[in-house]
Amino acid sequence: MPVDRGGGTGGQTPPSSASRPPMGGPGGEELSPEQQAQMEAELAAMQQELVNTPASVVIANHAIGLFQLAALHLSVQPPNLEQGQLAIDALGALVEGLAGRLDEHEASLVDALAQLRMAFVQLKARGDTPPG
């Protein structure tokens, strides 16, 4: 079942701006109709740009985010191995689960995953983590 993250319409026609509640500005103030129309146009342009971007590029960007998350957890003192391992496992599920489908990004992501796994094993062997 697809997940609607607010940008999709789930196969339905989006409601007209007249039937939607007014959008609020950054401070919670109500936007003028012109401001609301501009925001809706910008949102539509961003959605179109995303549609025109190959899914492999978007997925690779998310994978890099998981790499960075794991690296952060492994680099703090003391390393947070539990959270680092979760991020590494998520990256592994993504990269290995989509093997052969990540286009030119696959080799870099496989290498990044291997580096994280090696760093995790080295940190765990050092025993730098607090008990528990």
Protein backbone atom coordinates (compact mmCIF):
# COMPACT_ATOMS: atom_id res chain seq x y z
CA MET A 1 0.00 0.00 0.00
CA PRO A 2 1.55 3.35 -1.01
CA VAL A 3 2.20 5.89 1.70
CA ASP A 4 0.92 9.40 1.09
CA ARG A 5 3.42 11.87 2.52
CA GLY A 6 1.22 14.88 1.92
CA GLY A 7 2.43 15.53 -1.64
CA GLY A 8 0.57 12.70 -3.32
CA THR A 9 -3.08 12.54 -4.07
CA GLY A 10 -3.50 8.78 -3.71
CA GLY A 11 -4.94 8.61 -7.21
CA GLN A 12 -7.58 11.19 -6.43
CA THR A 13 -7.96 14.65 -7.83
CA PRO A 14 -6.47 17.16 -5.40
CA PRO A 15 -9.00 19.47 -3.79
CA SER A 16 -9.26 22.92 -5.27
CA SER A 17 -7.66 25.74 -3.35
CA ALA A 18 -11.15 27.03 -2.58
CA SER A 19 -12.02 23.85 -0.65
CA ARG A 20 -8.74 23.68 1.29
CA PRO A 21 -8.18 25.55 4.54
CA PRO A 22 -5.91 28.58 4.20
CA MET A 23 -2.20 27.95 4.64
CA GLY A 24 -0.42 29.66 7.47
CA GLY A 25 2.80 31.58 7.20
CA PRO A 26 5.97 30.90 9.22
CA GLY A 27 4.63 32.87 12.20
CA GLY A 28 1.20 31.23 12.06
CA GLU A 29 -0.38 34.21 10.31
CA GLU A 30 -2.80 33.56 7.49
CA LEU A 31 -1.40 33.98 3.99
CA SER A 32 -2.99 36.23 1.43
CA PRO A 33 -4.55 34.50 -1.59
CA GLU A 34 -1.57 35.65 -3.68
CA GLN A 35 0.94 34.24 -1.17
CA GLN A 36 -1.00 30.98 -0.95
CA ALA A 37 -1.10 30.69 -4.76
CA GLN A 38 2.65 31.34 -4.91
CA MET A 39 3.33 28.66 -2.30
CA GLU A 40 1.13 26.18 -4.14
CA ALA A 41 2.93 26.94 -7.42
CA GLU A 42 6.31 26.45 -5.74
CA LEU A 43 5.14 23.16 -4.22
CA ALA A 44 3.89 21.97 -7.62
CA ALA A 45 7.23 22.91 -9.20
CA MET A 46 9.14 20.98 -6.51
CA GLN A 47 6.89 17.96 -6.98
CA GLN A 48 7.45 18.08 -10.74
CA GLU A 49 11.21 18.30 -10.23
CA LEU A 50 11.04 15.25 -7.97
CA VAL A 51 8.98 13.35 -10.55
CA ASN A 52 11.61 14.18 -13.19
CA THR A 53 14.46 12.91 -10.98
CA PRO A 54 15.29 9.21 -11.34
CA ALA A 55 14.23 7.26 -8.25
CA SER A 56 17.76 5.84 -7.96
CA VAL A 57 19.08 9.36 -7.32
CA VAL A 58 16.52 10.07 -4.59
CA ILE A 59 17.14 6.68 -2.98
CA ALA A 60 20.92 7.23 -3.09
CA ASN A 61 20.45 10.58 -1.35
CA HIS A 62 18.43 8.91 1.41
CA ALA A 63 21.08 6.20 1.69
CA ILE A 64 23.76 8.86 2.19
CA GLY A 65 21.61 10.28 4.98
CA LEU A 66 21.64 6.86 6.67
CA PHE A 67 25.42 6.67 6.18
CA GLN A 68 25.83 10.06 7.85
CA LEU A 69 23.52 9.08 10.70
CA ALA A 70 25.51 5.90 11.36
CA ALA A 71 28.80 7.78 11.15
CA LEU A 72 27.57 10.34 13.69
CA HIS A 73 26.55 7.68 16.18
CA LEU A 74 29.86 5.87 15.75
CA SER A 75 31.94 9.04 16.10
CA VAL A 76 30.54 10.38 19.38
CA GLN A 77 32.44 9.64 22.59
CA PRO A 78 31.60 7.07 23.71
CA PRO A 79 30.27 5.63 20.45
CA ASN A 80 26.57 4.79 20.43
CA LEU A 81 26.90 1.33 18.89
CA GLU A 82 23.23 0.43 19.27
CA GLN A 83 22.01 3.44 17.29
CA GLY A 84 24.90 3.18 14.84
CA GLN A 85 24.08 -0.45 14.18
CA LEU A 86 20.45 0.41 13.53
CA ALA A 87 21.43 3.00 10.92
CA ILE A 88 23.96 0.58 9.37
CA ASP A 89 21.32 -2.15 9.21
CA ALA A 90 18.86 0.25 7.57
CA LEU A 91 21.47 1.25 5.00
CA GLY A 92 22.25 -2.43 4.42
CA ALA A 93 18.60 -3.28 3.91
CA LEU A 94 18.30 -0.49 1.38
CA VAL A 95 21.52 -1.15 -0.55
CA GLU A 96 21.38 -4.94 -0.46
CA GLY A 97 17.63 -5.08 -0.94
CA LEU A 98 17.92 -3.00 -4.12
CA ALA A 99 21.05 -4.70 -5.45
CA GLY A 100 21.33 -4.25 -9.21
CA ARG A 101 18.79 -1.41 -9.29
CA LEU A 102 20.72 1.60 -7.97
CA ASP A 103 22.41 2.45 -11.26
CA GLU A 104 25.74 4.29 -11.06
CA HIS A 105 25.32 4.90 -7.31
CA GLU A 106 25.42 1.25 -6.31
CA ALA A 107 29.21 0.73 -6.13
CA SER A 108 29.71 3.81 -3.94
CA LEU A 109 26.90 2.80 -1.61
CA VAL A 110 28.22 -0.76 -1.29
CA ASP A 111 31.67 0.66 -0.42
CA ALA A 112 30.17 3.08 2.10
CA LEU A 113 28.25 0.25 3.76
CA ALA A 114 31.41 -1.88 3.97
CA GLN A 115 33.33 1.03 5.56
CA LEU A 116 30.64 1.52 8.19
CA ARG A 117 30.50 -2.17 9.00
CA MET A 118 34.27 -2.30 9.39
CA ALA A 119 34.28 0.77 11.64
CA PHE A 120 31.49 -0.74 13.75
CA VAL A 121 33.38 -4.00 14.23
CA GLN A 122 36.58 -2.13 15.18
CA LEU A 123 34.76 0.06 17.70
CA LYS A 124 32.96 -2.90 19.21
CA ALA A 125 36.24 -4.82 19.54
CA ARG A 126 37.80 -1.84 21.35
CA GLY A 127 35.01 -1.95 23.91
CA ASP A 128 34.56 1.84 24.06
CA THR A 129 30.92 1.59 24.95
CA PRO A 130 29.38 2.00 28.38
CA PRO A 131 27.82 -1.16 29.84
CA GLY A 132 24.17 -1.83 29.12
